[in-house]
Structure formats: structure tokens, C-alpha cells
Amino acid sequence: MIHVGKFNYEIENLAVNKKMVRLCSPQVRKTLLLRQLADSEGRSKFMNQKRVFIIHGWGGSPDELLHKWLKLELEKKGLEVFVPQMPNPEKPVIEAWVSRLEEIVRAPDKDTILVGHSIGCQAILRYLEKLNPMSKIGGVVFIAPWLTLSNLESEEEWQVADPWLNTPIRETDVIKHTLKITTIFSDNDPYVSSENIELFKRRFNAEVVVEHGKGHFTADDGVKKLESALNAILVS
């Protein structure tokens, strides 16, 4: 038994080599225990902290002004924020993007919030679809999400988009993994028509916010911050 302050701890309850502990001096035993308690406390704090993953869009990057603004504002509120670089963003592939999400999120839970922009929303939908049946995250926020597209500029772009547009998504396998889905659209998005608003409402029971004049929510559209997205994340 090891004594720390007014508490007593049995050696058998320590997550260390029991034989080694018994051979140590009392002071070394106490040090081992204190380290374990500190590690446990750190893990507990980490597990109770909300984690936000912001997934950029087709041709995008973590350095986009909107993503950087969201990260800064959320970190001010004490959230842990990750904005990963997704693979081959100029020619995104479903399998590679979903694999990257699995790699970075690792252990999704109720304190996990996923935020996507454009094709990043699609990647999140397909990631959720594949989750373990018992897994559930705290919420999802989509900026300019789409299931149909308009006004792509070249045949090559349509070829890249084709698998994303035509590989089915099982909405029941998405909805069961998240407590809430919030979608944010713009009334003048050149790529995402209003048809998508109704699709997300009907298929994913999504809450909908429609912004005025924000285009596709890029820096070229003059969008450097988005309060509706920030608020939606904070209440997830």
C-alpha cells in the first residue's frame, strides 16, 4: 500500500508493473503513483474538452481566412481546434478524404464537432456513414454543403465531382451518429443551388441558415468571418 496525503492506494490498483513497484523504495512508489494520477487527470480534462475539426473544401487549405478566424475565435472560448490539410485538394477523392478524417479524429465522441466547407461537408457525411454503430458525436456544422452542383467550369471538374455526386450516402447511417446537423447556405452561391436546402432538410433533418450575398463563402466572395457558423459550433 502507498500513502499519499490522507489517501491510501493498493499497489494492485496501479497501472504499472506490480513486481517492479514492490521492489522500489517508498518514495519511488509515491512518485509513480503521483505521475499516474496526474496522467489520469490530464486525460480526463482532455476527454471533457470539446474538439472541433474544420475540413476545408475542394481546392482549399487550412490557411483560408474563414478557417483561421473560426479557429482563433473557438480557441478563445477554450475549444481545441484542428484544421487539417486534406489530401490532393485539387482532385479530391472520397476514400482518401474519409481515411484522413478517420486518422485525425481517431476517437469520436459527444465532445467532437465536425465542421465542413463545400466538399468537406461531403467528406464528413461519408465519414459518419462508416462510423462504429455505437459512436455518436456532438454536432455537425456545414458551410455551403451540396448533394448537387451547378456551374462547374470544365469537363475535368465534372469528372472529379462525379463520384461525390453519384456515390450514394445512406442518410440513416449519418443521422444516428450525430446529435445535430446545422447547414449554412448563401442565397447567391454559384455552385450550390437552393435545391440543396430542401435535400438537407428532408434527408438529414438539418437545421438551415441562409445567408445573404455570401457566394460560396470564400475570400473571393469577401467572406473572412461567419458569425452564424461560430454560433452554431458553440451551441453544438
C-alpha atoms as a PDB file:
ATOM      1  CA  MET A   1       0.000   0.000   0.000  1.00  0.00           C
ATOM      2  CA  ILE A   2       1.174   3.542  -0.830  1.00  0.00           C
ATOM      3  CA  HIS A   3       0.206   6.544   1.298  1.00  0.00           C
ATOM      4  CA  VAL A   4      -0.339   9.932  -0.384  1.00  0.00           C
ATOM      5  CA  GLY A   5      -1.645  12.581   1.987  1.00  0.00           C
ATOM      6  CA  LYS A   6      -4.770  11.184   3.667  1.00  0.00           C
ATOM      7  CA  PHE A   7      -5.315   8.601   0.887  1.00  0.00           C
ATOM      8  CA  ASN A   8      -4.077   5.014   0.671  1.00  0.00           C
ATOM      9  CA  TYR A   9      -3.601   3.208  -2.653  1.00  0.00           C
ATOM     10  CA  GLU A  10      -3.165  -0.517  -3.152  1.00  0.00           C
ATOM     11  CA  ILE A  11      -0.300  -1.479  -5.427  1.00  0.00           C
ATOM     12  CA  GLU A  12      -2.645  -3.838  -7.281  1.00  0.00           C
ATOM     13  CA  ASN A  13      -4.657  -0.816  -8.489  1.00  0.00           C
ATOM     14  CA  LEU A  14      -1.714   0.847 -10.178  1.00  0.00           C
ATOM     15  CA  ALA A  15      -1.416   0.572 -13.960  1.00  0.00           C
ATOM     16  CA  VAL A  16       2.281  -0.277 -13.723  1.00  0.00           C
ATOM     17  CA  ASN A  17       4.425  -3.386 -13.323  1.00  0.00           C
ATOM     18  CA  LYS A  18       3.411  -4.626  -9.855  1.00  0.00           C
ATOM     19  CA  LYS A  19       6.609  -6.587  -9.217  1.00  0.00           C
ATOM     20  CA  MET A  20       8.730  -3.574 -10.102  1.00  0.00           C
ATOM     21  CA  VAL A  21       6.731  -1.325  -7.763  1.00  0.00           C
ATOM     22  CA  ARG A  22       7.162  -3.670  -4.812  1.00  0.00           C
ATOM     23  CA  LEU A  23      10.946  -3.575  -5.299  1.00  0.00           C
ATOM     24  CA  CYS A  24      11.026   0.233  -5.276  1.00  0.00           C
ATOM     25  CA  SER A  25      11.598   2.431  -2.272  1.00  0.00           C
ATOM     26  CA  PRO A  26       8.518   4.067  -0.713  1.00  0.00           C
ATOM     27  CA  GLN A  27       9.472   7.441  -2.208  1.00  0.00           C
ATOM     28  CA  VAL A  28       9.775   5.997  -5.726  1.00  0.00           C
ATOM     29  CA  ARG A  29       6.442   4.235  -5.278  1.00  0.00           C
ATOM     30  CA  LYS A  30       4.822   7.517  -4.321  1.00  0.00           C
ATOM     31  CA  THR A  31       6.374   9.257  -7.354  1.00  0.00           C
ATOM     32  CA  LEU A  32       4.988   6.562  -9.662  1.00  0.00           C
ATOM     33  CA  LEU A  33       1.537   6.992  -8.186  1.00  0.00           C
ATOM     34  CA  LEU A  34       1.585  10.774  -8.449  1.00  0.00           C
ATOM     35  CA  ARG A  35       2.611  10.549 -12.101  1.00  0.00           C
ATOM     36  CA  GLN A  36      -0.221   8.133 -12.824  1.00  0.00           C
ATOM     37  CA  LEU A  37      -2.758  10.337 -11.055  1.00  0.00           C
ATOM     38  CA  ALA A  38      -1.532  13.369 -12.996  1.00  0.00           C
ATOM     39  CA  ASP A  39      -1.800  11.459 -16.274  1.00  0.00           C
ATOM     40  CA  SER A  40      -5.319  10.334 -15.417  1.00  0.00           C
ATOM     41  CA  GLU A  41      -6.358  13.871 -14.554  1.00  0.00           C
ATOM     42  CA  GLY A  42      -4.883  15.148 -17.820  1.00  0.00           C
ATOM     43  CA  ARG A  43      -6.730  12.526 -19.832  1.00  0.00           C
ATOM     44  CA  SER A  44      -9.938  13.385 -18.017  1.00  0.00           C
ATOM     45  CA  LYS A  45      -9.581  17.071 -18.824  1.00  0.00           C
ATOM     46  CA  PHE A  46      -8.776  16.297 -22.438  1.00  0.00           C
ATOM     47  CA  MET A  47     -11.761  13.980 -22.753  1.00  0.00           C
ATOM     48  CA  ASN A  48     -14.091  16.666 -21.403  1.00  0.00           C
ATOM     49  CA  GLN A  49     -12.787  19.354 -23.768  1.00  0.00           C
ATOM     50  CA  LYS A  50     -14.658  19.939 -26.995  1.00  0.00           C
ATOM     51  CA  ARG A  51     -12.641  19.171 -30.113  1.00  0.00           C
ATOM     52  CA  VAL A  52     -13.515  20.892 -33.380  1.00  0.00           C
ATOM     53  CA  PHE A  53     -12.295  19.647 -36.751  1.00  0.00           C
ATOM     54  CA  ILE A  54     -12.643  22.100 -39.653  1.00  0.00           C
ATOM     55  CA  ILE A  55     -12.448  20.409 -43.051  1.00  0.00           C
ATOM     56  CA  HIS A  56     -11.674  22.699 -45.971  1.00  0.00           C
ATOM     57  CA  GLY A  57     -13.193  22.409 -49.422  1.00  0.00           C
ATOM     58  CA  TRP A  58     -12.166  21.447 -52.950  1.00  0.00           C
ATOM     59  CA  GLY A  59      -9.010  23.376 -53.823  1.00  0.00           C
ATOM     60  CA  GLY A  60      -8.951  24.812 -50.308  1.00  0.00           C
ATOM     61  CA  SER A  61      -6.467  24.791 -47.443  1.00  0.00           C
ATOM     62  CA  PRO A  62      -6.218  25.351 -43.678  1.00  0.00           C
ATOM     63  CA  ASP A  63      -4.887  28.851 -44.430  1.00  0.00           C
ATOM     64  CA  GLU A  64      -8.181  30.200 -45.721  1.00  0.00           C
ATOM     65  CA  LEU A  65      -9.202  33.328 -43.830  1.00  0.00           C
ATOM     66  CA  LEU A  66     -12.545  31.939 -42.661  1.00  0.00           C
ATOM     67  CA  HIS A  67     -10.956  28.796 -41.227  1.00  0.00           C
ATOM     68  CA  LYS A  68      -8.248  30.786 -39.460  1.00  0.00           C
ATOM     69  CA  TRP A  69     -10.846  33.160 -37.990  1.00  0.00           C
ATOM     70  CA  LEU A  70     -13.022  30.293 -36.746  1.00  0.00           C
ATOM     71  CA  LYS A  71     -10.013  28.572 -35.176  1.00  0.00           C
ATOM     72  CA  LEU A  72      -8.936  31.729 -33.367  1.00  0.00           C
ATOM     73  CA  GLU A  73     -12.422  32.541 -32.063  1.00  0.00           C
ATOM     74  CA  LEU A  74     -13.085  28.986 -30.907  1.00  0.00           C
ATOM     75  CA  GLU A  75      -9.744  28.731 -29.134  1.00  0.00           C
ATOM     76  CA  LYS A  76     -10.621  31.930 -27.266  1.00  0.00           C
ATOM     77  CA  LYS A  77     -13.625  30.009 -25.929  1.00  0.00           C
ATOM     78  CA  GLY A  78     -11.422  27.145 -24.755  1.00  0.00           C
ATOM     79  CA  LEU A  79     -12.132  24.656 -27.542  1.00  0.00           C
ATOM     80  CA  GLU A  80      -9.396  22.584 -29.143  1.00  0.00           C
ATOM     81  CA  VAL A  81      -9.406  23.167 -32.898  1.00  0.00           C
ATOM     82  CA  PHE A  82      -7.826  21.201 -35.731  1.00  0.00           C
ATOM     83  CA  VAL A  83      -7.752  22.395 -39.349  1.00  0.00           C
ATOM     84  CA  PRO A  84      -6.003  19.606 -41.268  1.00  0.00           C
ATOM     85  CA  GLN A  85      -4.660  19.730 -44.783  1.00  0.00           C
ATOM     86  CA  MET A  86      -6.720  17.268 -46.784  1.00  0.00           C
ATOM     87  CA  PRO A  87      -5.046  15.094 -49.431  1.00  0.00           C
ATOM     88  CA  ASN A  88      -4.741  16.294 -53.021  1.00  0.00           C
ATOM     89  CA  PRO A  89      -7.294  19.114 -52.641  1.00  0.00           C
ATOM     90  CA  GLU A  90      -7.264  19.980 -56.347  1.00  0.00           C
ATOM     91  CA  LYS A  91      -8.500  16.472 -57.188  1.00  0.00           C
ATOM     92  CA  PRO A  92     -10.211  15.202 -54.036  1.00  0.00           C
ATOM     93  CA  VAL A  93     -11.024  11.505 -53.785  1.00  0.00           C
ATOM     94  CA  ILE A  94     -13.666  10.124 -51.420  1.00  0.00           C
ATOM     95  CA  GLU A  95     -11.618   7.271 -49.991  1.00  0.00           C
ATOM     96  CA  ALA A  96      -8.557   9.424 -49.308  1.00  0.00           C
ATOM     97  CA  TRP A  97     -10.549  12.162 -47.599  1.00  0.00           C
ATOM     98  CA  VAL A  98     -12.550   9.766 -45.427  1.00  0.00           C
ATOM     99  CA  SER A  99      -9.347   7.951 -44.450  1.00  0.00           C
ATOM    100  CA  ARG A 100      -7.775  11.261 -43.471  1.00  0.00           C
ATOM    101  CA  LEU A 101     -10.766  12.051 -41.253  1.00  0.00           C
ATOM    102  CA  GLU A 102     -10.523   8.654 -39.586  1.00  0.00           C
ATOM    103  CA  GLU A 103      -6.824   9.273 -38.981  1.00  0.00           C
ATOM    104  CA  ILE A 104      -7.191  12.703 -37.392  1.00  0.00           C
ATOM    105  CA  VAL A 105     -10.415  12.290 -35.388  1.00  0.00           C
ATOM    106  CA  ARG A 106      -9.437   8.839 -34.085  1.00  0.00           C
ATOM    107  CA  ALA A 107     -11.915   8.562 -31.168  1.00  0.00           C
ATOM    108  CA  PRO A 108     -15.153  10.432 -31.969  1.00  0.00           C
ATOM    109  CA  ASP A 109     -17.396  11.198 -29.006  1.00  0.00           C
ATOM    110  CA  LYS A 110     -20.028  13.655 -27.751  1.00  0.00           C
ATOM    111  CA  ASP A 111     -17.342  16.341 -27.391  1.00  0.00           C
ATOM    112  CA  THR A 112     -16.369  16.059 -31.072  1.00  0.00           C
ATOM    113  CA  ILE A 113     -17.735  18.663 -33.508  1.00  0.00           C
ATOM    114  CA  LEU A 114     -17.154  18.391 -37.244  1.00  0.00           C
ATOM    115  CA  VAL A 115     -17.252  21.479 -39.455  1.00  0.00           C
ATOM    116  CA  GLY A 116     -17.072  21.286 -43.226  1.00  0.00           C
ATOM    117  CA  HIS A 117     -16.939  23.654 -46.162  1.00  0.00           C
ATOM    118  CA  SER A 118     -18.262  22.563 -49.567  1.00  0.00           C
ATOM    119  CA  ILE A 119     -16.780  19.164 -50.439  1.00  0.00           C
ATOM    120  CA  GLY A 120     -15.506  18.955 -46.862  1.00  0.00           C
ATOM    121  CA  CYS A 121     -19.165  18.532 -45.868  1.00  0.00           C
ATOM    122  CA  GLN A 122     -19.468  15.573 -48.211  1.00  0.00           C
ATOM    123  CA  ALA A 123     -16.348  14.022 -46.688  1.00  0.00           C
ATOM    124  CA  ILE A 124     -17.864  14.368 -43.208  1.00  0.00           C
ATOM    125  CA  LEU A 125     -21.146  12.766 -44.300  1.00  0.00           C
ATOM    126  CA  ARG A 126     -19.260   9.801 -45.723  1.00  0.00           C
ATOM    127  CA  TYR A 127     -17.063   9.563 -42.621  1.00  0.00           C
ATOM    128  CA  LEU A 128     -20.122   9.490 -40.345  1.00  0.00           C
ATOM    129  CA  GLU A 129     -21.726   6.851 -42.531  1.00  0.00           C
ATOM    130  CA  LYS A 130     -18.833   4.479 -41.768  1.00  0.00           C
ATOM    131  CA  LEU A 131     -18.608   5.009 -38.006  1.00  0.00           C
ATOM    132  CA  ASN A 132     -18.984   2.240 -35.479  1.00  0.00           C
ATOM    133  CA  PRO A 133     -22.725   1.818 -34.765  1.00  0.00           C
ATOM    134  CA  MET A 134     -22.261   2.909 -31.135  1.00  0.00           C
ATOM    135  CA  SER A 135     -20.311   6.098 -31.918  1.00  0.00           C
ATOM    136  CA  LYS A 136     -22.023   9.475 -31.639  1.00  0.00           C
ATOM    137  CA  ILE A 137     -20.553  12.958 -31.970  1.00  0.00           C
ATOM    138  CA  GLY A 138     -21.752  16.235 -30.511  1.00  0.00           C
ATOM    139  CA  GLY A 139     -22.670  18.012 -33.713  1.00  0.00           C
ATOM    140  CA  VAL A 140     -22.018  18.909 -37.316  1.00  0.00           C
ATOM    141  CA  VAL A 141     -21.878  22.336 -38.973  1.00  0.00           C
ATOM    142  CA  PHE A 142     -21.850  22.538 -42.755  1.00  0.00           C
ATOM    143  CA  ILE A 143     -20.971  25.655 -44.762  1.00  0.00           C
ATOM    144  CA  ALA A 144     -22.114  25.551 -48.404  1.00  0.00           C
ATOM    145  CA  PRO A 145     -22.883  21.813 -48.381  1.00  0.00           C
ATOM    146  CA  TRP A 146     -24.098  20.132 -51.535  1.00  0.00           C
ATOM    147  CA  LEU A 147     -25.560  16.978 -52.948  1.00  0.00           C
ATOM    148  CA  THR A 148     -25.998  18.545 -56.386  1.00  0.00           C
ATOM    149  CA  LEU A 149     -23.698  21.041 -58.132  1.00  0.00           C
ATOM    150  CA  SER A 150     -24.040  23.805 -60.704  1.00  0.00           C
ATOM    151  CA  ASN A 151     -21.746  25.800 -62.971  1.00  0.00           C
ATOM    152  CA  LEU A 152     -18.555  23.781 -62.824  1.00  0.00           C
ATOM    153  CA  GLU A 153     -16.155  25.250 -65.357  1.00  0.00           C
ATOM    154  CA  SER A 154     -14.660  22.241 -67.143  1.00  0.00           C
ATOM    155  CA  GLU A 155     -15.177  18.613 -68.038  1.00  0.00           C
ATOM    156  CA  GLU A 156     -12.260  17.733 -65.765  1.00  0.00           C
ATOM    157  CA  GLU A 157     -14.061  19.314 -62.800  1.00  0.00           C
ATOM    158  CA  TRP A 158     -17.202  17.319 -63.547  1.00  0.00           C
ATOM    159  CA  GLN A 159     -15.089  14.153 -63.656  1.00  0.00           C
ATOM    160  CA  VAL A 160     -13.630  14.925 -60.223  1.00  0.00           C
ATOM    161  CA  ALA A 161     -17.096  15.695 -58.854  1.00  0.00           C
ATOM    162  CA  ASP A 162     -18.794  12.647 -60.384  1.00  0.00           C
ATOM    163  CA  PRO A 163     -18.028  10.100 -57.606  1.00  0.00           C
ATOM    164  CA  TRP A 164     -19.052  12.617 -54.945  1.00  0.00           C
ATOM    165  CA  LEU A 165     -22.307  13.307 -56.754  1.00  0.00           C
ATOM    166  CA  ASN A 166     -23.190   9.738 -57.660  1.00  0.00           C
ATOM    167  CA  THR A 167     -21.890   7.515 -54.850  1.00  0.00           C
ATOM    168  CA  PRO A 168     -24.958   7.069 -52.608  1.00  0.00           C
ATOM    169  CA  ILE A 169     -24.983   8.265 -49.000  1.00  0.00           C
ATOM    170  CA  ARG A 170     -27.169   6.353 -46.532  1.00  0.00           C
ATOM    171  CA  GLU A 171     -28.726   9.178 -44.548  1.00  0.00           C
ATOM    172  CA  THR A 172     -29.932   6.864 -41.759  1.00  0.00           C
ATOM    173  CA  ASP A 173     -26.313   5.849 -41.140  1.00  0.00           C
ATOM    174  CA  VAL A 174     -25.348   9.516 -40.896  1.00  0.00           C
ATOM    175  CA  ILE A 175     -28.135  10.830 -38.665  1.00  0.00           C
ATOM    176  CA  LYS A 176     -27.702   8.179 -35.980  1.00  0.00           C
ATOM    177  CA  HIS A 177     -24.107   9.296 -35.341  1.00  0.00           C
ATOM    178  CA  THR A 178     -24.709  12.969 -34.561  1.00  0.00           C
ATOM    179  CA  LEU A 179     -26.933  14.895 -32.189  1.00  0.00           C
ATOM    180  CA  LYS A 180     -27.402  17.818 -34.565  1.00  0.00           C
ATOM    181  CA  ILE A 181     -26.694  18.968 -38.139  1.00  0.00           C
ATOM    182  CA  THR A 182     -26.677  22.684 -38.970  1.00  0.00           C
ATOM    183  CA  THR A 183     -26.315  23.791 -42.585  1.00  0.00           C
ATOM    184  CA  ILE A 184     -25.400  27.296 -43.752  1.00  0.00           C
ATOM    185  CA  PHE A 185     -26.198  28.346 -47.313  1.00  0.00           C
ATOM    186  CA  SER A 186     -25.880  31.578 -49.282  1.00  0.00           C
ATOM    187  CA  ASP A 187     -28.677  32.901 -51.470  1.00  0.00           C
ATOM    188  CA  ASN A 188     -26.227  33.633 -54.315  1.00  0.00           C
ATOM    189  CA  ASP A 189     -23.922  30.614 -54.250  1.00  0.00           C
ATOM    190  CA  PRO A 190     -22.916  29.965 -57.884  1.00  0.00           C
ATOM    191  CA  TYR A 191     -22.261  26.255 -57.267  1.00  0.00           C
ATOM    192  CA  VAL A 192     -24.822  25.256 -54.638  1.00  0.00           C
ATOM    193  CA  SER A 193     -28.418  25.759 -55.730  1.00  0.00           C
ATOM    194  CA  SER A 194     -31.370  26.197 -53.367  1.00  0.00           C
ATOM    195  CA  GLU A 195     -32.366  22.618 -54.221  1.00  0.00           C
ATOM    196  CA  ASN A 196     -29.730  21.549 -51.707  1.00  0.00           C
ATOM    197  CA  ILE A 197     -31.538  23.331 -48.881  1.00  0.00           C
ATOM    198  CA  GLU A 198     -34.554  21.070 -49.259  1.00  0.00           C
ATOM    199  CA  LEU A 199     -32.387  17.992 -49.760  1.00  0.00           C
ATOM    200  CA  PHE A 200     -30.551  18.518 -46.479  1.00  0.00           C
ATOM    201  CA  LYS A 201     -33.769  19.263 -44.623  1.00  0.00           C
ATOM    202  CA  ARG A 202     -35.508  16.168 -45.933  1.00  0.00           C
ATOM    203  CA  ARG A 203     -32.660  13.676 -45.898  1.00  0.00           C
ATOM    204  CA  PHE A 204     -30.679  14.733 -42.822  1.00  0.00           C
ATOM    205  CA  ASN A 205     -33.209  16.637 -40.679  1.00  0.00           C
ATOM    206  CA  ALA A 206     -30.812  19.552 -40.886  1.00  0.00           C
ATOM    207  CA  GLU A 207     -31.357  22.963 -39.401  1.00  0.00           C
ATOM    208  CA  VAL A 208     -30.890  25.580 -42.118  1.00  0.00           C
ATOM    209  CA  VAL A 209     -29.427  29.080 -42.074  1.00  0.00           C
ATOM    210  CA  VAL A 210     -29.490  31.111 -45.298  1.00  0.00           C
ATOM    211  CA  GLU A 211     -27.026  33.996 -45.502  1.00  0.00           C
ATOM    212  CA  HIS A 212     -27.436  36.869 -47.945  1.00  0.00           C
ATOM    213  CA  GLY A 213     -24.812  37.565 -50.611  1.00  0.00           C
ATOM    214  CA  LYS A 214     -22.036  35.325 -49.258  1.00  0.00           C
ATOM    215  CA  GLY A 215     -21.410  33.410 -52.508  1.00  0.00           C
ATOM    216  CA  HIS A 216     -19.552  30.158 -51.849  1.00  0.00           C
ATOM    217  CA  PHE A 217     -18.159  31.547 -48.566  1.00  0.00           C
ATOM    218  CA  THR A 218     -14.637  32.104 -49.882  1.00  0.00           C
ATOM    219  CA  ALA A 219     -12.226  35.022 -49.560  1.00  0.00           C
ATOM    220  CA  ASP A 220     -13.014  35.884 -53.174  1.00  0.00           C
ATOM    221  CA  ASP A 221     -16.612  36.348 -52.043  1.00  0.00           C
ATOM    222  CA  GLY A 222     -15.431  38.700 -49.306  1.00  0.00           C
ATOM    223  CA  VAL A 223     -16.092  36.164 -46.527  1.00  0.00           C
ATOM    224  CA  LYS A 224     -13.422  36.372 -43.856  1.00  0.00           C
ATOM    225  CA  LYS A 225     -15.596  35.503 -40.864  1.00  0.00           C
ATOM    226  CA  LEU A 226     -19.006  33.939 -40.333  1.00  0.00           C
ATOM    227  CA  GLU A 227     -20.834  34.526 -37.090  1.00  0.00           C
ATOM    228  CA  SER A 228     -23.592  32.035 -37.917  1.00  0.00           C
ATOM    229  CA  ALA A 229     -21.023  29.252 -38.194  1.00  0.00           C
ATOM    230  CA  LEU A 230     -19.292  30.280 -34.979  1.00  0.00           C
ATOM    231  CA  ASN A 231     -22.580  30.354 -33.073  1.00  0.00           C
ATOM    232  CA  ALA A 232     -23.683  27.004 -34.485  1.00  0.00           C
ATOM    233  CA  ILE A 233     -20.419  25.395 -33.350  1.00  0.00           C
ATOM    234  CA  LEU A 234     -20.640  26.877 -29.875  1.00  0.00           C
ATOM    235  CA  VAL A 235     -24.154  25.525 -29.259  1.00  0.00           C
ATOM    236  CA  SER A 236     -23.334  22.046 -30.620  1.00  0.00           C
END
